[in-house]
C-alpha atoms as a PDB file:
ATOM      1  CA  MET A   1      30.010  68.698 -60.254  1.00  0.00           C
ATOM      2  CA  SER A   2      31.747  67.061 -57.258  1.00  0.00           C
ATOM      3  CA  VAL A   3      30.017  69.447 -54.862  1.00  0.00           C
ATOM      4  CA  GLU A   4      26.658  68.412 -56.234  1.00  0.00           C
ATOM      5  CA  LEU A   5      27.549  64.692 -55.793  1.00  0.00           C
ATOM      6  CA  ASP A   6      28.690  65.229 -52.223  1.00  0.00           C
ATOM      7  CA  GLU A   7      25.456  67.013 -51.419  1.00  0.00           C
ATOM      8  CA  ALA A   8      23.501  64.171 -53.026  1.00  0.00           C
ATOM      9  CA  ASP A   9      25.430  61.544 -51.031  1.00  0.00           C
ATOM     10  CA  ALA A  10      24.813  63.482 -47.818  1.00  0.00           C
ATOM     11  CA  GLY A  11      21.109  63.695 -48.611  1.00  0.00           C
ATOM     12  CA  THR A  12      20.972  59.967 -49.169  1.00  0.00           C
ATOM     13  CA  ALA A  13      22.923  59.150 -45.972  1.00  0.00           C
ATOM     14  CA  ALA A  14      20.641  61.233 -43.765  1.00  0.00           C
ATOM     15  CA  PRO A  15      17.534  59.100 -44.309  1.00  0.00           C
ATOM     16  CA  VAL A  16      19.626  55.918 -43.847  1.00  0.00           C
ATOM     17  CA  TRP A  17      20.942  57.075 -40.500  1.00  0.00           C
ATOM     18  CA  ALA A  18      17.453  58.221 -39.487  1.00  0.00           C
ATOM     19  CA  ALA A  19      16.034  54.788 -40.368  1.00  0.00           C
ATOM     20  CA  TYR A  20      18.874  53.093 -38.473  1.00  0.00           C
ATOM     21  CA  ALA A  21      18.182  55.231 -35.431  1.00  0.00           C
ATOM     22  CA  ASP A  22      14.498  54.414 -35.579  1.00  0.00           C
ATOM     23  CA  LEU A  23      15.304  50.696 -35.889  1.00  0.00           C
ATOM     24  CA  MET A  24      17.617  50.857 -32.885  1.00  0.00           C
ATOM     25  CA  SER A  25      14.925  52.682 -30.883  1.00  0.00           C
ATOM     26  CA  VAL A  26      12.416  49.964 -31.761  1.00  0.00           C
ATOM     27  CA  LEU A  27      14.900  47.208 -30.828  1.00  0.00           C
ATOM     28  CA  LEU A  28      15.705  48.953 -27.582  1.00  0.00           C
ATOM     29  CA  GLY A  29      11.992  49.262 -26.797  1.00  0.00           C
ATOM     30  CA  VAL A  30      11.455  45.596 -27.554  1.00  0.00           C
ATOM     31  CA  PHE A  31      14.406  44.638 -25.347  1.00  0.00           C
ATOM     32  CA  VAL A  32      13.035  46.764 -22.501  1.00  0.00           C
ATOM     33  CA  LEU A  33       9.632  45.130 -22.851  1.00  0.00           C
ATOM     34  CA  ILE A  34      11.179  41.667 -22.844  1.00  0.00           C
ATOM     35  CA  LEU A  35      13.287  42.579 -19.817  1.00  0.00           C
ATOM     36  CA  VAL A  36      10.254  43.923 -17.950  1.00  0.00           C
ATOM     37  CA  GLY A  37       8.337  40.747 -18.860  1.00  0.00           C
ATOM     38  CA  VAL A  38      11.119  38.475 -17.670  1.00  0.00           C
ATOM     39  CA  ILE A  39      11.439  40.399 -14.388  1.00  0.00           C
ATOM     40  CA  GLY A  40       7.629  40.247 -13.929  1.00  0.00           C
ATOM     41  CA  MET A  41       7.663  36.481 -14.529  1.00  0.00           C
ATOM     42  CA  GLN A  42      10.514  36.004 -12.070  1.00  0.00           C
ATOM     43  CA  LEU A  43       8.596  37.979  -9.447  1.00  0.00           C
ATOM     44  CA  GLN A  44       5.453  35.907 -10.037  1.00  0.00           C
ATOM     45  CA  LEU A  45       7.448  32.658  -9.880  1.00  0.00           C
ATOM     46  CA  SER A  46       9.141  33.829  -6.674  1.00  0.00           C
ATOM     47  CA  ASP A  47       5.786  34.716  -5.171  1.00  0.00           C
ATOM     48  CA  ARG A  48       4.290  31.373  -6.187  1.00  0.00           C
ATOM     49  CA  LEU A  49       7.316  29.560  -4.775  1.00  0.00           C
ATOM     50  CA  ASP A  50       6.904  31.422  -1.470  1.00  0.00           C
ATOM     51  CA  GLN A  51       3.212  30.519  -1.363  1.00  0.00           C
ATOM     52  CA  GLU A  52       3.978  26.874  -2.158  1.00  0.00           C
ATOM     53  CA  VAL A  53       6.621  26.735   0.554  1.00  0.00           C
ATOM     54  CA  LYS A  54       4.180  28.203   3.086  1.00  0.00           C
ATOM     55  CA  ARG A  55       1.466  25.789   1.964  1.00  0.00           C
ATOM     56  CA  ARG A  56       3.776  22.815   2.338  1.00  0.00           C
ATOM     57  CA  GLN A  57       4.900  24.040   5.760  1.00  0.00           C
ATOM     58  CA  GLN A  58       1.306  24.408   6.906  1.00  0.00           C
ATOM     59  CA  GLU A  59       0.412  20.963   5.532  1.00  0.00           C
ATOM     60  CA  ALA A  60       3.438  19.409   7.263  1.00  0.00           C
ATOM     61  CA  GLN A  61       2.393  21.083  10.516  1.00  0.00           C
ATOM     62  CA  ARG A  62      -1.174  19.790  10.201  1.00  0.00           C
ATOM     63  CA  ARG A  63       0.089  16.285   9.415  1.00  0.00           C
ATOM     64  CA  GLN A  64       2.506  16.434  12.313  1.00  0.00           C
ATOM     65  CA  THR A  65      -0.328  17.417  14.640  1.00  0.00           C
ATOM     66  CA  LEU A  66      -2.379  14.492  13.381  1.00  0.00           C
ATOM     67  CA  GLU A  67       0.539  12.088  13.790  1.00  0.00           C
ATOM     68  CA  GLN A  68       1.162  13.370  17.308  1.00  0.00           C
ATOM     69  CA  ALA A  69      -2.465  12.747  18.160  1.00  0.00           C
ATOM     70  CA  LEU A  70      -2.091   9.215  16.815  1.00  0.00           C
ATOM     71  CA  ALA A  71       1.238   8.513  18.558  1.00  0.00           C
ATOM     72  CA  GLY A  72      -0.305   6.799  21.577  1.00  0.00           C
ATOM     73  CA  PRO A  73      -2.854   4.681  19.670  1.00  0.00           C
ATOM     74  CA  LEU A  74      -0.202   3.782  17.076  1.00  0.00           C
ATOM     75  CA  ALA A  75       2.210   2.621  19.763  1.00  0.00           C
ATOM     76  CA  ALA A  76      -0.570   0.621  21.425  1.00  0.00           C
ATOM     77  CA  GLY A  77      -1.529  -0.985  18.097  1.00  0.00           C
ATOM     78  CA  ARG A  78      -5.089   0.359  18.232  1.00  0.00           C
ATOM     79  CA  VAL A  79      -4.710   2.240  14.932  1.00  0.00           C
ATOM     80  CA  THR A  80      -2.536   2.184  11.836  1.00  0.00           C
ATOM     81  CA  LEU A  81      -1.475   5.031   9.571  1.00  0.00           C
ATOM     82  CA  ILE A  82      -0.618   3.996   6.004  1.00  0.00           C
ATOM     83  CA  ASP A  83      -0.474   6.508   3.103  1.00  0.00           C
ATOM     84  CA  GLY A  84      -2.578   8.981   5.059  1.00  0.00           C
ATOM     85  CA  ARG A  85      -5.306   6.405   5.814  1.00  0.00           C
ATOM     86  CA  ILE A  86      -6.139   5.907   9.469  1.00  0.00           C
ATOM     87  CA  GLY A  87      -7.144   2.356  10.211  1.00  0.00           C
ATOM     88  CA  ILE A  88      -8.917   1.676  13.525  1.00  0.00           C
ATOM     89  CA  SER A  89      -9.291  -1.837  14.818  1.00  0.00           C
ATOM     90  CA  GLY A  90     -12.910  -2.946  14.990  1.00  0.00           C
ATOM     91  CA  ASN A  91     -12.215  -4.588  18.372  1.00  0.00           C
ATOM     92  CA  VAL A  92     -11.362  -1.152  19.772  1.00  0.00           C
ATOM     93  CA  LEU A  93     -14.494   0.458  18.429  1.00  0.00           C
ATOM     94  CA  PHE A  94     -17.165  -2.242  18.610  1.00  0.00           C
ATOM     95  CA  ALA A  95     -18.033  -5.546  20.226  1.00  0.00           C
ATOM     96  CA  LEU A  96     -18.475  -8.462  17.837  1.00  0.00           C
ATOM     97  CA  ASN A  97     -21.515  -8.038  15.545  1.00  0.00           C
ATOM     98  CA  SER A  98     -22.373  -4.672  17.124  1.00  0.00           C
ATOM     99  CA  ASP A  99     -22.473  -1.084  15.852  1.00  0.00           C
ATOM    100  CA  GLN A 100     -22.502   0.463  19.346  1.00  0.00           C
ATOM    101  CA  LEU A 101     -19.286   2.212  20.265  1.00  0.00           C
ATOM    102  CA  GLN A 102     -17.320   0.869  23.218  1.00  0.00           C
ATOM    103  CA  PRO A 103     -16.016   3.431  25.750  1.00  0.00           C
ATOM    104  CA  GLU A 104     -12.413   2.970  24.521  1.00  0.00           C
ATOM    105  CA  GLY A 105     -13.516   3.565  20.944  1.00  0.00           C
ATOM    106  CA  ARG A 106     -15.470   6.691  21.837  1.00  0.00           C
ATOM    107  CA  GLU A 107     -12.492   8.168  23.688  1.00  0.00           C
ATOM    108  CA  LEU A 108     -10.221   7.372  20.716  1.00  0.00           C
ATOM    109  CA  LEU A 109     -12.567   9.117  18.228  1.00  0.00           C
ATOM    110  CA  LYS A 110     -12.915  12.067  20.590  1.00  0.00           C
ATOM    111  CA  SER A 111      -9.101  12.467  20.629  1.00  0.00           C
ATOM    112  CA  LEU A 112      -8.990  12.353  16.824  1.00  0.00           C
ATOM    113  CA  ALA A 113     -11.786  14.828  16.075  1.00  0.00           C
ATOM    114  CA  GLY A 114      -9.775  17.994  16.774  1.00  0.00           C
ATOM    115  CA  PRO A 115      -6.691  17.023  14.771  1.00  0.00           C
ATOM    116  CA  LEU A 116      -8.867  15.777  11.899  1.00  0.00           C
ATOM    117  CA  ALA A 117     -10.798  19.059  11.787  1.00  0.00           C
ATOM    118  CA  GLY A 118      -7.523  20.975  11.793  1.00  0.00           C
ATOM    119  CA  TYR A 119      -6.097  18.768   9.071  1.00  0.00           C
ATOM    120  CA  LEU A 120      -9.080  19.459   6.834  1.00  0.00           C
ATOM    121  CA  ARG A 121      -8.944  23.207   7.355  1.00  0.00           C
ATOM    122  CA  SER A 122      -7.887  25.047   4.157  1.00  0.00           C
ATOM    123  CA  ARG A 123      -7.722  21.745   2.272  1.00  0.00           C
ATOM    124  CA  ASP A 124      -9.818  20.794  -0.722  1.00  0.00           C
ATOM    125  CA  GLU A 125     -10.527  17.358   0.762  1.00  0.00           C
ATOM    126  CA  ILE A 126     -13.162  15.480   2.726  1.00  0.00           C
ATOM    127  CA  LEU A 127     -12.960  12.345   4.852  1.00  0.00           C
ATOM    128  CA  MET A 128     -14.317   9.002   3.759  1.00  0.00           C
ATOM    129  CA  VAL A 129     -15.208   6.835   6.752  1.00  0.00           C
ATOM    130  CA  SER A 130     -15.250   3.220   5.562  1.00  0.00           C
ATOM    131  CA  GLY A 131     -16.537   0.165   7.416  1.00  0.00           C
ATOM    132  CA  PHE A 132     -15.108  -3.334   6.828  1.00  0.00           C
ATOM    133  CA  THR A 133     -15.904  -6.772   8.281  1.00  0.00           C
ATOM    134  CA  ASP A 134     -14.434 -10.266   8.126  1.00  0.00           C
ATOM    135  CA  ASP A 135     -16.039 -12.885   5.861  1.00  0.00           C
ATOM    136  CA  ARG A 136     -18.062 -14.630   8.526  1.00  0.00           C
ATOM    137  CA  GLN A 137     -21.784 -14.162   8.257  1.00  0.00           C
ATOM    138  CA  VAL A 138     -23.673 -12.216  10.903  1.00  0.00           C
ATOM    139  CA  ARG A 139     -24.948 -14.635  13.517  1.00  0.00           C
ATOM    140  CA  GLU A 140     -28.487 -15.838  13.050  1.00  0.00           C
ATOM    141  CA  SER A 141     -29.259 -14.829  16.618  1.00  0.00           C
ATOM    142  CA  ASN A 142     -28.421 -11.224  15.696  1.00  0.00           C
ATOM    143  CA  ARG A 143     -31.441 -10.090  13.637  1.00  0.00           C
ATOM    144  CA  GLU A 144     -30.475  -6.422  13.677  1.00  0.00           C
ATOM    145  CA  PHE A 145     -28.272  -6.661  10.547  1.00  0.00           C
ATOM    146  CA  ALA A 146     -29.176  -8.500   7.377  1.00  0.00           C
ATOM    147  CA  ASP A 147     -25.562  -9.154   6.401  1.00  0.00           C
ATOM    148  CA  ASN A 148     -21.996  -7.857   6.640  1.00  0.00           C
ATOM    149  CA  TRP A 149     -22.750  -5.029   4.189  1.00  0.00           C
ATOM    150  CA  GLU A 150     -25.347  -3.597   6.561  1.00  0.00           C
ATOM    151  CA  LEU A 151     -23.135  -4.147   9.607  1.00  0.00           C
ATOM    152  CA  SER A 152     -20.192  -2.308   7.995  1.00  0.00           C
ATOM    153  CA  ALA A 153     -22.475   0.494   6.866  1.00  0.00           C
ATOM    154  CA  GLN A 154     -23.916   1.053  10.329  1.00  0.00           C
ATOM    155  CA  ARG A 155     -20.459   1.007  11.893  1.00  0.00           C
ATOM    156  CA  ALA A 156     -19.214   3.584   9.395  1.00  0.00           C
ATOM    157  CA  LEU A 157     -22.267   5.764  10.150  1.00  0.00           C
ATOM    158  CA  THR A 158     -21.678   5.439  13.887  1.00  0.00           C
ATOM    159  CA  VAL A 159     -18.077   6.655  13.548  1.00  0.00           C
ATOM    160  CA  THR A 160     -19.117   9.456  11.179  1.00  0.00           C
ATOM    161  CA  ARG A 161     -21.834  10.716  13.515  1.00  0.00           C
ATOM    162  CA  THR A 162     -19.499  10.532  16.519  1.00  0.00           C
ATOM    163  CA  LEU A 163     -16.830  12.622  14.771  1.00  0.00           C
ATOM    164  CA  ILE A 164     -19.453  15.177  13.770  1.00  0.00           C
ATOM    165  CA  ALA A 165     -20.696  15.326  17.373  1.00  0.00           C
ATOM    166  CA  GLU A 166     -17.083  15.951  18.462  1.00  0.00           C
ATOM    167  CA  GLY A 167     -16.646  18.942  16.134  1.00  0.00           C
ATOM    168  CA  VAL A 168     -15.696  17.696  12.642  1.00  0.00           C
ATOM    169  CA  PRO A 169     -17.893  19.608  10.119  1.00  0.00           C
ATOM    170  CA  SER A 170     -20.623  17.392   8.704  1.00  0.00           C
ATOM    171  CA  SER A 171     -19.827  18.701   5.232  1.00  0.00           C
ATOM    172  CA  SER A 172     -16.361  17.200   5.544  1.00  0.00           C
ATOM    173  CA  LEU A 173     -17.388  13.574   6.142  1.00  0.00           C
ATOM    174  CA  PHE A 174     -19.230  10.780   4.408  1.00  0.00           C
ATOM    175  CA  ALA A 175     -19.687   7.086   5.197  1.00  0.00           C
ATOM    176  CA  ALA A 176     -18.998   4.072   2.960  1.00  0.00           C
ATOM    177  CA  ALA A 177     -19.530   0.352   3.395  1.00  0.00           C
ATOM    178  CA  PHE A 178     -17.328  -2.423   2.009  1.00  0.00           C
ATOM    179  CA  GLY A 179     -18.564  -5.440   3.947  1.00  0.00           C
ATOM    180  CA  ALA A 180     -16.066  -8.295   3.729  1.00  0.00           C
ATOM    181  CA  GLU A 181     -14.453  -6.901   0.539  1.00  0.00           C
ATOM    182  CA  GLN A 182     -10.884  -5.631   0.471  1.00  0.00           C
ATOM    183  CA  PRO A 183      -9.479  -7.612   3.407  1.00  0.00           C
ATOM    184  CA  VAL A 184      -6.057  -6.670   4.794  1.00  0.00           C
ATOM    185  CA  GLY A 185      -5.479 -10.061   6.437  1.00  0.00           C
ATOM    186  CA  SER A 186      -6.353 -13.694   5.948  1.00  0.00           C
ATOM    187  CA  ASN A 187      -9.837 -14.777   6.946  1.00  0.00           C
ATOM    188  CA  ALA A 188      -8.490 -18.266   7.649  1.00  0.00           C
ATOM    189  CA  ASP A 189      -7.514 -17.436  11.253  1.00  0.00           C
ATOM    190  CA  GLU A 190      -8.770 -15.228  14.058  1.00  0.00           C
ATOM    191  CA  ALA A 191      -5.801 -12.835  13.924  1.00  0.00           C
ATOM    192  CA  GLY A 192      -6.476 -12.098  10.249  1.00  0.00           C
ATOM    193  CA  ARG A 193     -10.212 -11.760  10.771  1.00  0.00           C
ATOM    194  CA  ALA A 194      -9.593  -9.287  13.631  1.00  0.00           C
ATOM    195  CA  ARG A 195      -7.465  -7.151  11.259  1.00  0.00           C
ATOM    196  CA  ASN A 196     -10.228  -7.208   8.649  1.00  0.00           C
ATOM    197  CA  ARG A 197     -12.821  -5.958  11.127  1.00  0.00           C
ATOM    198  CA  ARG A 198     -11.896  -2.288  10.988  1.00  0.00           C
ATOM    199  CA  VAL A 199     -12.905   1.265  10.153  1.00  0.00           C
ATOM    200  CA  GLU A 200     -10.699   3.433   7.957  1.00  0.00           C
ATOM    201  CA  ILE A 201     -10.663   7.232   7.778  1.00  0.00           C
ATOM    202  CA  ALA A 202      -9.074   8.503   4.564  1.00  0.00           C
ATOM    203  CA  PRO A 203      -8.894  11.967   2.924  1.00  0.00           C
ATOM    204  CA  VAL A 204     -10.239  12.089  -0.618  1.00  0.00           C
ATOM    205  CA  PRO A 205     -10.650  15.019  -3.094  1.00  0.00           C
ATOM    206  CA  LYS A 206     -13.685  17.121  -2.493  1.00  0.00           C
ATOM    207  CA  PRO A 207     -16.238  16.710  -5.339  1.00  0.00           C
ATOM    208  CA  SER A 208     -16.461  19.764  -7.590  1.00  0.00           C
ATOM    209  CA  LYS A 209     -19.662  21.803  -7.560  1.00  0.00           C
ATOM    210  CA  ARG A 210     -19.767  21.738 -11.362  1.00  0.00           C
ATOM    211  CA  GLY A 211     -19.677  17.934 -11.395  1.00  0.00           C
ATOM    212  CA  ALA A 212     -22.394  17.718  -8.728  1.00  0.00           C
ATOM    213  CA  ALA A 213     -24.613  20.129 -10.748  1.00  0.00           C
ATOM    214  CA  THR A 214     -24.090  18.043 -13.894  1.00  0.00           C
ATOM    215  CA  ARG A 215     -25.068  14.815 -12.152  1.00  0.00           C
ATOM    216  CA  ALA A 216     -28.169  16.470 -10.717  1.00  0.00           C
ATOM    217  CA  ARG A 217     -29.580  17.194 -14.176  1.00  0.00           C
END
């Protein structure tokens, strides 16, 4: 009788141990899969971190090159650099109520073209060239421009075309006119009006092709 019970217990224990072994094998397999996944994620994160570090280093180098190119004009007060926006005094670029570049302005834009082209390289950005004026109306004797809007537009176009002629890709630039809007100084005195007569060059996100296709419909 006892022998038969022992044999029955042994027969029952065998399937239990087999099931336990199978369960442990499954758990071990799951653990290995999780471990492999974690290692893979760490490798991806490490690779992304390396890429981000390189990208930031390249961006810092491009920005440094641009700042070095601006060092002289910045020290002379001919340009400003605020939040990545390059502001160029209108007195440097143009005579009063004119859209024709002065020699000093042309040389300044020529010195900026190379660093700007390098800055844009491998960046998903384009440059907005914006023209601004003071609030005084265009002189009646100057019939070439209807108002400050037209004067600021023509000045922005002149700067844009000059930069393109000096090597900045035409697909990386566009012109905008603001007239007397968005002044940076008071129009109550000549010093403030001179600050408001300016051209700004600012990087902006490049429009997506999908968005452009949607607007074209």
